[in-house]
Amino acid sequence: MQHLNKYSNLNKKSIQPSNNVAVISTSLVKNTQWQFIALCLYLLSQSFTIPILAIGSWAAWLTLSDFATVLLVLTFLLSYRHKKFLVASSANKKICVTLIFVLLCCIMSYLIYFSNLIDPDANGIRLGIYQIYRLVEFLCVFGVTAQVPLTPKRINILRQIANFVLIFVCLSIILTFTAILPLGALTAHLPQGKDIAGAWSEYARLGKIGGIGWGTISYNHGCVAAHVTMIAALRIHLGLGKQVIFDFSLLFVSLIACFITESRTGFLGMLIFLLIYMLKNTNYTIIAISLIGLLFGIFTLVGLSNLDSVNLVSVEGSVLDRQTTLLDASNAENLSGRDSIWEEKIKFLNQEPLRWIVGTGFGSAWDNGVDGGSAHLLFLHIILENGIIGLLIFSILFYKIIYFLYKNELHIKPIFWVTIALLVTSFTQEIFYPVPAMGSFVGFYLCSVAIALRKDIKTII
């Protein structure tokens, strides 16, 4: 009887208005242990996102994240028969439904584009398939992560993994920047040459020049910085404010890593997130400022002492010179030609006003305009391929994500704030779009959102 009363009391808590508590048996948690292990492996895979197996086109070469996603899906299917009910929160369910709707709209857009295609060799044919493949993968990551029961013990394990991944990634960026770890060594297992390796050939080519702060993440420095920022935000979320000094230390190391990637918008995004964290923890502001000075001082001394052997001057000039252009962001010369790209894309849209409404088709960006390629501005890129209709659907998706994170995320809402910071950076890159340059970043972001919006798990025997 006492056991039944205990269950009854827990069950009453589980049906509070927030609907964010699930009372499940320890046996159900045990039956999802392989699913949790797969989630742990997925988070671990974010420490090395360079392809490990060259099959097919270079843009779709298999990474550890791809294999971990397969494990996530397989373990979910195997453990599903043990479930008496689903543990996904109401917020995660609603976002999942919206993601499915987004996927279906993108497939429809691609089919319309394909049915009206004149050039059988258009780049958009392959790119559209690639983007749909990535969206399916990201949807699976989100959907499965949302179903994994995360007890306090499991949260602690994920926090330790996030510690390792963040430190490993930041260290790899510093080592490749200082040329202690040759950049080309990280892709030595892959086919070489631009014709075969595409953008991944840049690791070997630029590695011969000197140090480049790309680490083990991507050939796109914007993706590298965004990845570091996202790992840091997830780590702060999982820590729940219990180790503030250690959190500050991790954030400042992350800031340095983002700084030396040479991605100005990526560095800005990390800086915005750090400033928000400092404002949310004003009691530690003096310590924070001291750590900033100490870490940047150490980094400067190390750089100066290795001036002759370390590539402190990049292809485009010194890292410091490049990053300080953020102070003069309105200067068109600091946009790296993006203003010309935006002008060319808008001119293309204006040629047929209907393009503004429906776009030219999912994956078609590389077929359009004088030079083709990305718009280097997320919202313009969405309009280019999917029109204002597509931008409206995207806005609905992110309105829901931001709303649910604000209402339900714990502590200082790190995933909410990092979403805001990353949206700011999207004005110069397609950070939330499944383009090859962003790799599996969107999947990792959605995984973090699913974790942040999880239900609290109460176990009973």
Protein backbone atom coordinates (compact mmCIF):
# COMPACT_ATOMS: atom_id res chain seq x y z
CA MET A 1 0.00 0.00 0.00
CA GLN A 2 2.88 2.35 0.86
CA HIS A 3 4.39 1.62 -2.53
CA LEU A 4 1.10 2.46 -4.26
CA ASN A 5 0.79 5.72 -2.31
CA LYS A 6 4.33 6.64 -3.33
CA TYR A 7 3.48 6.04 -6.96
CA SER A 8 0.26 8.03 -6.62
CA ASN A 9 2.10 11.05 -5.19
CA LEU A 10 4.68 10.95 -7.96
CA ASN A 11 1.99 10.58 -10.57
CA LYS A 12 0.21 13.71 -9.29
CA LYS A 13 3.42 15.65 -9.80
CA SER A 14 3.70 14.31 -13.33
CA ILE A 15 0.44 15.86 -14.44
CA GLN A 16 1.17 19.41 -13.32
CA PRO A 17 0.35 22.10 -15.93
CA SER A 18 3.93 22.24 -17.22
CA ASN A 19 3.52 18.61 -18.29
CA ASN A 20 7.28 18.33 -18.01
CA VAL A 21 7.66 15.42 -15.59
CA ALA A 22 7.48 11.74 -16.53
CA VAL A 23 7.13 9.00 -13.92
CA ILE A 24 8.61 5.80 -15.32
CA SER A 25 9.86 2.54 -13.90
CA THR A 26 13.54 1.76 -13.45
CA SER A 27 13.06 -1.22 -15.76
CA LEU A 28 11.98 1.10 -18.58
CA VAL A 29 15.06 3.25 -18.03
CA LYS A 30 17.19 0.10 -18.11
CA ASN A 31 15.55 -1.03 -21.34
CA THR A 32 16.70 2.22 -23.00
CA GLN A 33 20.34 1.92 -21.93
CA TRP A 34 21.54 1.09 -25.47
CA GLN A 35 19.60 4.04 -26.78
CA PHE A 36 21.32 6.25 -24.21
CA ILE A 37 24.71 4.80 -25.14
CA ALA A 38 23.98 5.67 -28.78
CA LEU A 39 23.17 9.24 -27.70
CA CYS A 40 26.46 9.39 -25.80
CA LEU A 41 28.30 8.19 -28.92
CA TYR A 42 26.52 10.85 -30.99
CA LEU A 43 27.72 13.57 -28.63
CA LEU A 44 31.22 12.09 -28.65
CA SER A 45 31.16 12.12 -32.46
CA GLN A 46 30.95 15.92 -32.35
CA SER A 47 34.62 15.97 -31.36
CA PHE A 48 35.66 14.83 -34.85
CA THR A 49 33.36 15.75 -37.74
CA ILE A 50 35.88 15.31 -40.54
CA PRO A 51 34.79 12.43 -42.84
CA ILE A 52 36.30 9.06 -42.03
CA LEU A 53 35.02 7.10 -45.03
CA ALA A 54 35.10 8.42 -48.60
CA ILE A 55 32.04 6.97 -50.33
CA GLY A 56 30.22 8.90 -53.05
CA SER A 57 30.45 12.66 -53.39
CA TRP A 58 32.86 14.48 -51.06
CA ALA A 59 29.98 16.49 -49.56
CA ALA A 60 28.33 13.29 -48.34
CA TRP A 61 31.42 11.42 -47.16
CA LEU A 62 30.56 9.53 -44.01
CA THR A 63 31.45 10.96 -40.63
CA LEU A 64 31.30 9.58 -37.11
CA SER A 65 28.07 11.55 -36.67
CA ASP A 66 26.48 9.65 -39.55
CA PHE A 67 27.33 6.30 -37.98
CA ALA A 68 26.15 7.49 -34.58
CA THR A 69 22.84 8.59 -36.12
CA VAL A 70 22.33 5.09 -37.54
CA LEU A 71 23.00 3.66 -34.07
CA LEU A 72 20.50 6.08 -32.56
CA VAL A 73 17.78 4.97 -34.94
CA LEU A 74 18.55 1.24 -34.62
CA THR A 75 18.63 1.28 -30.82
CA PHE A 76 15.41 3.27 -30.75
CA LEU A 77 13.67 0.72 -32.97
CA LEU A 78 14.97 -2.16 -30.86
CA SER A 79 13.95 -0.57 -27.57
CA TYR A 80 10.62 0.77 -28.79
CA ARG A 81 8.86 -2.53 -28.09
CA HIS A 82 9.65 -2.08 -24.40
CA LYS A 83 7.95 1.29 -24.19
CA LYS A 84 4.53 1.52 -22.62
CA PHE A 85 4.33 5.22 -23.41
CA LEU A 86 6.52 7.86 -25.00
CA VAL A 87 8.64 10.12 -22.82
CA ALA A 88 9.02 13.01 -25.25
CA SER A 89 7.86 16.32 -23.81
CA SER A 90 4.93 18.18 -25.29
CA ALA A 91 7.30 20.85 -26.62
CA ASN A 92 9.50 18.30 -28.35
CA LYS A 93 6.48 16.62 -29.91
CA LYS A 94 5.23 19.90 -31.35
CA ILE A 95 8.65 20.80 -32.73
CA CYS A 96 8.98 17.32 -34.23
CA VAL A 97 5.65 17.71 -36.04
CA THR A 98 6.81 21.07 -37.39
CA LEU A 99 10.11 19.53 -38.53
CA ILE A 100 8.21 16.81 -40.41
CA PHE A 101 6.12 19.52 -42.07
CA VAL A 102 9.30 21.40 -43.04
CA LEU A 103 10.77 18.22 -44.52
CA LEU A 104 7.64 17.53 -46.58
CA CYS A 105 7.60 21.11 -47.87
CA CYS A 106 11.27 20.85 -48.88
CA ILE A 107 10.62 17.57 -50.69
CA MET A 108 7.69 19.14 -52.53
CA SER A 109 9.81 22.15 -53.46
CA TYR A 110 12.53 19.88 -54.81
CA LEU A 111 10.07 17.79 -56.84
CA ILE A 112 8.59 20.91 -58.42
CA TYR A 113 12.09 22.15 -59.21
CA PHE A 114 13.07 18.77 -60.66
CA SER A 115 9.92 18.46 -62.78
CA ASN A 116 10.57 21.85 -64.40
CA LEU A 117 14.30 21.34 -64.88
CA ILE A 118 15.72 21.95 -68.32
CA ASP A 119 19.39 21.21 -67.69
CA PRO A 120 19.87 17.51 -66.79
CA ASP A 121 23.34 18.25 -65.40
CA ALA A 122 22.25 21.02 -63.03
CA ASN A 123 24.06 21.07 -59.68
CA GLY A 124 20.75 21.48 -57.90
CA ILE A 125 19.73 17.91 -58.70
CA ARG A 126 22.46 16.46 -56.50
CA LEU A 127 22.41 19.28 -53.96
CA GLY A 128 18.66 18.97 -53.43
CA ILE A 129 18.97 15.23 -52.75
CA TYR A 130 21.86 15.90 -50.38
CA GLN A 131 19.86 18.51 -48.47
CA ILE A 132 16.83 16.24 -48.16
CA TYR A 133 19.10 13.43 -46.95
CA ARG A 134 20.52 15.73 -44.30
CA LEU A 135 17.07 16.90 -43.19
CA VAL A 136 15.92 13.29 -42.76
CA GLU A 137 19.05 12.58 -40.73
CA PHE A 138 18.55 15.66 -38.55
CA LEU A 139 14.90 14.81 -37.99
CA CYS A 140 15.87 11.32 -36.84
CA VAL A 141 18.45 12.73 -34.42
CA PHE A 142 15.91 15.11 -32.91
CA GLY A 143 13.08 12.58 -32.75
CA VAL A 144 15.14 9.83 -31.14
CA THR A 145 16.93 12.13 -28.68
CA ALA A 146 13.55 13.45 -27.54
CA GLN A 147 12.53 9.89 -26.60
CA VAL A 148 15.56 9.02 -24.47
CA PRO A 149 14.72 9.14 -20.74
CA LEU A 150 17.37 11.37 -19.15
CA THR A 151 17.68 10.75 -15.44
CA PRO A 152 19.94 12.95 -13.27
CA LYS A 153 22.63 10.25 -13.47
CA ARG A 154 22.44 10.26 -17.27
CA ILE A 155 22.57 14.06 -17.37
CA ASN A 156 25.75 13.90 -15.34
CA ILE A 157 27.28 11.46 -17.86
CA LEU A 158 26.32 13.73 -20.75
CA ARG A 159 27.90 16.66 -18.93
CA GLN A 160 31.20 14.79 -18.62
CA ILE A 161 31.07 13.92 -22.31
CA ALA A 162 30.40 17.56 -23.19
CA ASN A 163 33.44 18.54 -21.09
CA PHE A 164 35.63 16.17 -23.04
CA VAL A 165 34.26 17.15 -26.45
CA LEU A 166 34.59 20.88 -25.81
CA ILE A 167 38.15 20.64 -24.49
CA PHE A 168 39.17 18.25 -27.28
CA VAL A 169 37.76 20.46 -30.03
CA CYS A 170 39.24 23.68 -28.62
CA LEU A 171 42.61 21.98 -28.16
CA SER A 172 42.54 20.69 -31.74
CA ILE A 173 41.83 24.21 -33.01
CA ILE A 174 44.72 25.66 -31.01
CA LEU A 175 47.09 22.88 -32.12
CA THR A 176 46.29 23.30 -35.81
CA PHE A 177 46.47 27.07 -35.53
CA THR A 178 49.92 26.89 -33.99
CA ALA A 179 50.92 24.23 -36.55
CA ILE A 180 51.89 21.82 -33.77
CA LEU A 181 49.36 19.49 -35.35
CA PRO A 182 49.68 19.68 -39.15
CA LEU A 183 46.32 20.49 -40.66
CA GLY A 184 46.84 18.10 -43.57
CA ALA A 185 47.42 15.19 -41.18
CA LEU A 186 43.75 15.27 -40.18
CA THR A 187 42.60 14.43 -43.72
CA ALA A 188 45.55 12.24 -44.75
CA HIS A 189 43.26 9.17 -44.71
CA LEU A 190 41.00 10.72 -47.36
CA PRO A 191 41.49 10.98 -51.14
CA GLN A 192 43.43 14.10 -52.06
CA GLY A 193 42.99 16.59 -54.88
CA LYS A 194 40.23 19.14 -55.42
CA ASP A 195 38.54 17.10 -58.17
CA ILE A 196 37.90 14.25 -55.74
CA ALA A 197 38.07 15.75 -52.25
CA GLY A 198 36.36 19.04 -53.09
CA ALA A 199 36.49 21.49 -50.20
CA TRP A 200 38.13 18.90 -47.94
CA SER A 201 41.27 19.24 -50.09
CA GLU A 202 41.76 22.64 -48.42
CA TYR A 203 43.08 20.89 -45.30
CA ALA A 204 46.10 19.62 -47.20
CA ARG A 205 46.55 22.76 -49.33
CA LEU A 206 46.35 25.34 -46.55
CA GLY A 207 48.21 23.06 -44.17
CA LYS A 208 51.30 23.60 -46.30
CA ILE A 209 51.08 27.36 -45.75
CA GLY A 210 51.07 27.15 -41.97
CA GLY A 211 48.67 26.95 -39.05
CA ILE A 212 44.93 27.28 -39.65
CA GLY A 213 42.47 27.12 -36.74
CA TRP A 214 40.06 24.56 -38.14
CA GLY A 215 40.84 21.68 -35.81
CA THR A 216 38.89 18.47 -36.21
CA ILE A 217 35.62 20.08 -37.30
CA SER A 218 35.23 21.60 -40.76
CA TYR A 219 36.83 23.30 -43.75
CA ASN A 220 34.44 26.20 -43.13
CA HIS A 221 35.64 28.41 -40.29
CA GLY A 222 32.11 29.67 -39.66
CA CYS A 223 30.99 26.11 -39.01
CA VAL A 224 33.98 25.52 -36.72
CA ALA A 225 33.16 28.55 -34.56
CA ALA A 226 29.44 27.73 -34.48
CA HIS A 227 30.26 24.17 -33.45
CA VAL A 228 32.41 25.34 -30.55
CA THR A 229 29.72 27.78 -29.44
CA MET A 230 27.05 25.07 -29.56
CA ILE A 231 29.11 22.58 -27.55
CA ALA A 232 29.81 25.27 -24.95
CA ALA A 233 26.11 26.13 -24.67
CA LEU A 234 25.13 22.47 -24.25
CA ARG A 235 27.81 22.04 -21.59
CA ILE A 236 26.48 25.06 -19.67
CA HIS A 237 22.94 23.69 -19.93
CA LEU A 238 23.94 20.25 -18.65
CA GLY A 239 25.92 21.81 -15.77
CA LEU A 240 22.83 23.58 -14.39
CA GLY A 241 24.96 26.32 -12.82
CA LYS A 242 26.65 24.01 -10.30
CA GLN A 243 30.24 24.80 -11.42
CA VAL A 244 30.19 28.48 -12.38
CA ILE A 245 33.96 29.05 -12.17
CA PHE A 246 34.64 25.99 -14.30
CA ASP A 247 31.91 27.08 -16.73
CA PHE A 248 33.57 30.48 -17.10
CA SER A 249 36.91 28.83 -17.79
CA LEU A 250 35.41 26.63 -20.51
CA LEU A 251 33.66 29.61 -22.09
CA PHE A 252 36.86 31.65 -22.27
CA VAL A 253 38.81 28.79 -23.80
CA SER A 254 35.95 28.49 -26.29
CA LEU A 255 36.15 32.23 -26.99
CA ILE A 256 39.85 31.93 -27.79
CA ALA A 257 39.17 28.95 -30.05
CA CYS A 258 36.49 30.89 -31.92
CA PHE A 259 38.83 33.89 -32.18
CA ILE A 260 41.58 31.93 -33.92
CA THR A 261 39.21 30.24 -36.36
CA GLU A 262 39.24 33.66 -38.10
CA SER A 263 35.46 33.55 -38.41
CA ARG A 264 34.34 37.05 -37.49
CA THR A 265 30.65 36.23 -37.19
CA GLY A 266 31.49 33.00 -35.36
CA PHE A 267 33.61 34.90 -32.86
CA LEU A 268 30.83 37.48 -32.50
CA GLY A 269 28.29 34.74 -31.78
CA MET A 270 30.49 33.24 -29.05
CA LEU A 271 31.18 36.70 -27.63
CA ILE A 272 27.45 37.48 -27.47
CA PHE A 273 26.79 34.20 -25.68
CA LEU A 274 29.62 34.82 -23.20
CA LEU A 275 28.41 38.35 -22.44
CA ILE A 276 24.89 37.06 -21.77
CA TYR A 277 26.30 34.42 -19.44
CA MET A 278 28.29 37.08 -17.60
CA LEU A 279 25.19 39.24 -17.20
CA LYS A 280 23.31 36.24 -15.80
CA ASN A 281 26.12 35.61 -13.30
CA THR A 282 27.06 39.14 -12.19
CA ASN A 283 28.63 37.91 -8.93
CA TYR A 284 31.41 36.35 -10.97
CA THR A 285 32.03 39.26 -13.36
CA ILE A 286 35.39 40.26 -11.79
CA ILE A 287 36.59 36.68 -11.98
CA ALA A 288 35.37 36.52 -15.55
CA ILE A 289 37.26 39.66 -16.58
CA SER A 290 40.39 38.39 -14.85
CA LEU A 291 40.17 35.09 -16.68
CA ILE A 292 39.72 36.86 -20.01
CA GLY A 293 42.85 38.92 -19.40
CA LEU A 294 44.84 35.93 -18.18
CA LEU A 295 43.91 33.62 -21.05
CA PHE A 296 44.42 36.22 -23.77
CA GLY A 297 47.69 37.22 -22.12
CA ILE A 298 48.96 33.65 -22.12
CA PHE A 299 47.83 33.20 -25.70
CA THR A 300 49.60 36.41 -26.80
CA LEU A 301 52.85 35.41 -25.09
CA VAL A 302 52.77 31.97 -26.66
CA GLY A 303 52.07 33.51 -30.04
CA LEU A 304 54.88 36.05 -29.77
CA SER A 305 57.37 33.45 -28.58
CA ASN A 306 56.63 31.33 -31.64
CA LEU A 307 56.35 34.16 -34.13
CA ASP A 308 58.85 32.64 -36.54
CA SER A 309 57.37 29.13 -36.55
CA VAL A 310 53.68 29.76 -36.09
CA ASN A 311 51.40 31.09 -38.76
CA LEU A 312 50.07 34.05 -36.82
CA VAL A 313 49.47 35.75 -40.15
CA SER A 314 46.83 34.06 -42.22
CA VAL A 315 46.21 34.16 -45.94
CA GLU A 316 44.11 37.30 -45.50
CA GLY A 317 46.23 39.03 -42.86
CA SER A 318 46.71 38.72 -39.13
CA VAL A 319 43.96 37.13 -37.07
CA LEU A 320 43.81 40.22 -34.88
CA ASP A 321 43.44 42.52 -37.87
CA ARG A 322 40.69 40.36 -39.27
CA GLN A 323 38.71 40.10 -36.04
CA THR A 324 38.95 43.81 -35.27
CA THR A 325 37.04 44.54 -38.48
CA LEU A 326 33.95 43.66 -36.40
CA LEU A 327 34.29 47.18 -35.01
CA ASP A 328 33.70 48.52 -38.52
CA ALA A 329 31.06 46.08 -39.70
CA SER A 330 29.28 48.69 -41.81
CA ASN A 331 32.30 49.00 -44.09
CA ALA A 332 31.59 47.06 -47.31
CA GLU A 333 35.28 46.22 -47.62
CA ASN A 334 34.98 44.05 -44.50
CA LEU A 335 32.21 41.87 -45.94
CA SER A 336 34.58 39.70 -48.01
CA GLY A 337 32.55 40.29 -51.16
CA ARG A 338 29.24 39.35 -49.57
CA ASP A 339 27.66 42.66 -50.55
CA SER A 340 28.26 41.82 -54.22
CA ILE A 341 26.81 38.33 -53.72
CA TRP A 342 23.69 39.74 -52.01
CA GLU A 343 23.24 42.29 -54.77
CA GLU A 344 23.59 39.60 -57.44
CA LYS A 345 21.08 37.28 -55.72
CA ILE A 346 18.52 40.05 -55.26
CA LYS A 347 18.94 41.07 -58.89
CA PHE A 348 18.27 37.45 -59.89
CA LEU A 349 15.10 37.35 -57.77
CA ASN A 350 13.89 40.63 -59.25
CA GLN A 351 14.11 39.25 -62.78
CA GLU A 352 10.95 37.23 -62.07
CA PRO A 353 8.99 38.57 -59.06
CA LEU A 354 7.34 35.16 -58.59
CA ARG A 355 10.72 33.90 -57.39
CA TRP A 356 10.32 36.06 -54.30
CA ILE A 357 7.13 34.16 -53.43
CA VAL A 358 7.97 30.51 -54.16
CA GLY A 359 11.72 30.49 -54.79
CA THR A 360 13.42 28.44 -57.49
CA GLY A 361 13.40 25.07 -55.73
CA PHE A 362 15.06 23.29 -52.85
CA GLY A 363 18.72 22.81 -53.75
CA SER A 364 18.68 25.16 -56.72
CA ALA A 365 20.93 27.90 -55.29
CA TRP A 366 23.98 26.56 -57.11
CA ASP A 367 22.15 26.82 -60.45
CA ASN A 368 21.07 30.43 -60.13
CA GLY A 369 22.72 33.75 -60.71
CA VAL A 370 25.96 34.59 -62.43
CA ASP A 371 28.23 32.60 -60.14
CA GLY A 372 25.73 30.36 -58.36
CA GLY A 373 26.57 29.23 -54.84
CA SER A 374 25.26 30.24 -51.45
CA ALA A 375 23.77 33.61 -50.68
CA HIS A 376 25.91 33.88 -47.50
CA LEU A 377 22.84 35.18 -45.69
CA LEU A 378 20.48 32.60 -44.26
CA PHE A 379 17.21 34.44 -44.84
CA LEU A 380 18.12 35.46 -48.39
CA HIS A 381 19.22 31.89 -49.13
CA ILE A 382 15.89 30.55 -47.90
CA ILE A 383 14.01 33.00 -50.12
CA LEU A 384 16.22 32.12 -53.07
CA GLU A 385 15.32 28.43 -52.89
CA ASN A 386 11.92 28.45 -51.18
CA GLY A 387 10.59 31.98 -51.48
CA ILE A 388 8.90 34.07 -48.83
CA ILE A 389 6.61 31.10 -48.22
CA GLY A 390 9.63 29.06 -47.19
CA LEU A 391 10.91 31.89 -45.01
CA LEU A 392 7.53 32.03 -43.28
CA ILE A 393 7.67 28.28 -42.55
CA PHE A 394 11.24 28.67 -41.24
CA SER A 395 10.07 31.53 -39.02
CA ILE A 396 7.27 29.39 -37.59
CA LEU A 397 9.73 26.60 -36.78
CA PHE A 398 12.15 28.89 -34.99
CA TYR A 399 9.40 30.82 -33.27
CA LYS A 400 8.31 27.52 -31.71
CA ILE A 401 11.86 26.53 -30.79
CA ILE A 402 12.60 29.91 -29.20
CA TYR A 403 9.21 30.05 -27.44
CA PHE A 404 9.48 26.57 -25.93
CA LEU A 405 13.10 27.10 -24.90
CA TYR A 406 12.18 30.36 -23.18
CA LYS A 407 9.22 28.76 -21.38
CA ASN A 408 10.75 25.41 -20.44
CA GLU A 409 14.56 25.46 -20.38
CA LEU A 410 16.19 25.35 -16.96
CA HIS A 411 18.86 27.50 -15.29
CA ILE A 412 19.86 30.58 -17.38
CA LYS A 413 18.47 29.05 -20.60
CA PRO A 414 21.79 28.54 -22.46
CA ILE A 415 20.27 26.84 -25.51
CA PHE A 416 17.73 29.66 -25.82
CA TRP A 417 20.43 32.32 -25.72
CA VAL A 418 22.79 30.48 -28.05
CA THR A 419 19.92 30.21 -30.55
CA ILE A 420 19.56 33.99 -30.45
CA ALA A 421 23.33 34.44 -30.86
CA LEU A 422 23.50 32.02 -33.78
CA LEU A 423 20.57 33.72 -35.50
CA VAL A 424 22.56 36.96 -35.32
CA THR A 425 25.45 35.23 -37.10
CA SER A 426 23.08 33.94 -39.78
CA PHE A 427 23.20 37.35 -41.46
CA THR A 428 26.49 36.31 -43.07
CA GLN A 429 26.12 32.52 -43.37
CA GLU A 430 23.56 29.73 -43.79
CA ILE A 431 24.02 28.43 -40.27
CA PHE A 432 20.61 26.71 -39.95
CA TYR A 433 20.41 25.35 -43.50
CA PRO A 434 21.55 21.88 -44.64
CA VAL A 435 24.28 23.15 -46.99
CA PRO A 436 27.49 21.07 -47.27
CA ALA A 437 29.57 23.78 -45.57
CA MET A 438 27.61 23.34 -42.33
CA GLY A 439 28.00 19.56 -42.27
CA SER A 440 25.97 17.97 -39.48
CA PHE A 441 25.81 21.11 -37.34
CA VAL A 442 22.02 21.48 -37.63
CA GLY A 443 21.58 17.90 -36.40
CA PHE A 444 23.76 18.60 -33.36
CA TYR A 445 21.80 21.80 -32.68
CA LEU A 446 18.48 19.95 -32.81
CA CYS A 447 19.88 17.23 -30.56
CA SER A 448 20.75 19.94 -28.02
CA VAL A 449 17.27 21.45 -28.30
CA ALA A 450 15.69 18.03 -27.67
CA ILE A 451 17.86 17.59 -24.56
CA ALA A 452 17.01 21.09 -23.31
CA LEU A 453 13.27 20.49 -23.71
CA ARG A 454 13.30 17.02 -22.16
CA LYS A 455 10.94 15.87 -19.47
CA ASP A 456 12.21 15.54 -15.94
CA ILE A 457 12.37 11.83 -15.15
CA LYS A 458 11.09 10.43 -11.87
CA THR A 459 11.78 6.73 -11.46
CA ILE A 460 9.88 4.16 -9.42
CA ILE A 461 10.70 0.55 -8.73
